[in-house]
Amino acid sequence: MRWVLTPVGLEPFDAEAREFHRSQTSGEPFSAQVIEIEALHDRDMVEHRRIMATINDLAKALHLTPERVRAELLVATGNFQLLGELLGTPVVAVNSMSRRNMKDHELHEFWDEAIEVIKTKLLPRIENAAERERLTETLSLQLA
């Protein structure tokens, strides 16, 4: 789907864009309509899937949820905001790894830092030596 930016605004360029526009319109003139389009950052989806698969493997080996491991990695790499205290417990909000919030180069920077955290803090917590070795091998292949 391709759109063209004109002095009037964004207009459909190809048949797919025209069909999408037709499906979203209410019959008003084009210049009077508002169509919401969400801008997303480009993402190397192969790398993103590999990162998420590694987080899932770590979670299984640690008997934790993937969300918990992802949150631990985000906090350990400084990707969070300290919100304050709630009933005497510090409350943090971890940053999102979505394309809306994290650009591709930021994802790569996060993962470079996260690999060091995984090697120094998470891998030693894995009790199964064979699983720990397999994950160590997986991480070393990712660095190559």
Protein backbone atom coordinates (compact mmCIF):
# COMPACT_ATOMS: atom_id res chain seq x y z
CA MET A 1 0.00 0.00 0.00
CA ARG A 2 1.48 3.32 -1.07
CA TRP A 3 0.40 6.85 -0.25
CA VAL A 4 1.57 10.15 -1.69
CA LEU A 5 2.04 13.35 0.29
CA THR A 6 0.54 16.33 -1.57
CA PRO A 7 0.05 19.96 -0.54
CA VAL A 8 -3.48 18.93 0.44
CA GLY A 9 -2.29 16.02 2.58
CA LEU A 10 -1.89 12.26 2.29
CA GLU A 11 -3.66 10.69 -0.71
CA PRO A 12 -3.90 7.08 -1.88
CA PHE A 13 -1.37 6.28 -4.60
CA ASP A 14 -2.06 2.68 -5.62
CA ALA A 15 -5.11 0.42 -5.89
CA GLU A 16 -4.54 -1.12 -2.45
CA ALA A 17 -4.39 2.32 -0.81
CA ARG A 18 -7.50 3.47 -2.69
CA GLU A 19 -9.39 0.35 -1.56
CA PHE A 20 -8.23 0.86 2.04
CA HIS A 21 -9.34 4.50 1.85
CA ARG A 22 -12.73 3.49 0.40
CA SER A 23 -13.24 1.00 3.24
CA GLN A 24 -12.47 3.67 5.86
CA THR A 25 -14.43 6.58 4.42
CA SER A 26 -17.88 7.84 5.20
CA GLY A 27 -18.61 9.41 1.81
CA GLU A 28 -17.29 12.87 2.69
CA PRO A 29 -14.80 14.61 0.40
CA PHE A 30 -11.27 13.28 0.82
CA SER A 31 -9.90 16.51 2.32
CA ALA A 32 -12.58 16.51 5.05
CA GLN A 33 -11.93 12.97 6.29
CA VAL A 34 -9.70 11.87 9.10
CA ILE A 35 -8.09 8.45 8.85
CA GLU A 36 -5.87 7.36 11.70
CA ILE A 37 -2.51 5.92 10.66
CA GLU A 38 -0.06 4.74 13.27
CA ALA A 39 3.61 5.39 12.59
CA LEU A 40 5.84 2.53 13.69
CA HIS A 41 9.61 2.38 13.80
CA ASP A 42 11.28 0.04 11.34
CA ARG A 43 12.15 -3.22 13.02
CA ASP A 44 14.44 -6.08 12.10
CA MET A 45 11.80 -8.70 12.86
CA VAL A 46 14.22 -11.63 12.49
CA GLU A 47 16.40 -10.18 15.23
CA HIS A 48 13.38 -9.26 17.36
CA ARG A 49 12.04 -12.84 17.14
CA ARG A 50 15.47 -14.21 18.05
CA ILE A 51 15.64 -11.94 21.11
CA MET A 52 12.14 -12.92 22.23
CA ALA A 53 12.90 -16.63 21.68
CA THR A 54 16.03 -16.31 23.80
CA ILE A 55 14.05 -14.58 26.55
CA ASN A 56 11.46 -17.41 26.38
CA ASP A 57 14.21 -20.07 26.62
CA LEU A 58 15.74 -18.29 29.62
CA ALA A 59 12.34 -18.07 31.28
CA LYS A 60 11.74 -21.82 30.88
CA ALA A 61 15.18 -22.65 32.26
CA LEU A 62 14.67 -20.32 35.24
CA HIS A 63 11.05 -21.48 35.81
CA LEU A 64 9.83 -17.90 35.40
CA THR A 65 7.46 -16.19 33.00
CA PRO A 66 8.93 -14.52 29.89
CA GLU A 67 7.44 -11.23 31.10
CA ARG A 68 9.38 -11.51 34.36
CA VAL A 69 12.68 -12.21 32.56
CA ARG A 70 12.06 -9.38 30.09
CA ALA A 71 11.31 -7.01 32.99
CA GLU A 72 14.46 -8.11 34.85
CA LEU A 73 16.55 -7.46 31.74
CA LEU A 74 14.96 -4.06 31.13
CA VAL A 75 15.55 -3.02 34.75
CA ALA A 76 19.13 -4.36 34.76
CA THR A 77 19.94 -2.38 31.61
CA GLY A 78 18.36 0.84 32.90
CA ASN A 79 15.28 0.79 30.68
CA PHE A 80 12.75 1.75 33.35
CA GLN A 81 11.40 4.68 35.38
CA LEU A 82 11.22 4.70 39.15
CA LEU A 83 7.70 5.85 40.00
CA GLY A 84 8.01 6.01 43.77
CA GLU A 85 6.72 3.84 46.57
CA LEU A 86 3.44 2.07 47.06
CA LEU A 87 2.82 0.64 50.53
CA GLY A 88 6.55 0.76 51.25
CA THR A 89 7.57 -1.06 48.07
CA PRO A 90 9.49 0.70 45.27
CA VAL A 91 7.43 0.79 42.07
CA VAL A 92 9.03 0.86 38.63
CA ALA A 93 7.60 0.99 35.12
CA VAL A 94 9.66 -0.91 32.57
CA ASN A 95 9.94 0.50 29.07
CA SER A 96 8.12 -1.20 26.24
CA MET A 97 10.04 -3.11 23.58
CA SER A 98 7.34 -2.46 20.95
CA ARG A 99 8.06 -0.80 17.61
CA ARG A 100 6.07 2.20 18.79
CA ASN A 101 8.44 2.83 21.70
CA MET A 102 11.82 1.29 20.89
CA LYS A 103 13.62 1.97 17.63
CA ASP A 104 15.67 -0.78 16.02
CA HIS A 105 19.04 0.64 17.08
CA GLU A 106 17.73 1.03 20.66
CA LEU A 107 16.67 -2.63 20.61
CA HIS A 108 20.17 -3.65 19.50
CA GLU A 109 21.77 -1.47 22.21
CA PHE A 110 19.45 -2.99 24.81
CA TRP A 111 20.26 -6.53 23.67
CA ASP A 112 24.04 -5.91 23.71
CA GLU A 113 23.73 -4.83 27.35
CA ALA A 114 21.23 -7.59 28.15
CA ILE A 115 23.59 -10.33 26.94
CA GLU A 116 26.14 -9.24 29.55
CA VAL A 117 23.44 -9.30 32.25
CA ILE A 118 22.33 -12.74 31.10
CA LYS A 119 25.89 -14.09 31.23
CA THR A 120 26.73 -12.63 34.63
CA LYS A 121 23.41 -12.84 36.51
CA LEU A 122 20.85 -15.11 34.84
CA LEU A 123 22.87 -18.04 33.51
CA PRO A 124 24.43 -18.80 36.93
CA ARG A 125 20.87 -19.13 38.35
CA ILE A 126 20.03 -22.01 35.96
CA GLU A 127 20.36 -25.25 37.89
CA ASN A 128 20.43 -27.64 34.92
CA ALA A 129 24.04 -27.64 33.66
CA ALA A 130 23.12 -28.94 30.20
CA GLU A 131 20.48 -26.23 29.73
CA ARG A 132 22.89 -23.57 31.00
CA GLU A 133 25.52 -24.76 28.50
CA ARG A 134 23.00 -24.79 25.64
CA LEU A 135 21.92 -21.22 26.40
CA THR A 136 25.54 -20.10 26.70
CA GLU A 137 26.18 -21.59 23.25
CA THR A 138 23.08 -19.87 21.83
CA LEU A 139 24.24 -16.50 23.17
CA SER A 140 27.74 -16.94 21.78
CA LEU A 141 26.28 -17.70 18.33
CA GLN A 142 24.22 -14.51 18.48
CA LEU A 143 27.35 -12.46 19.09
CA ALA A 144 29.07 -13.89 16.00
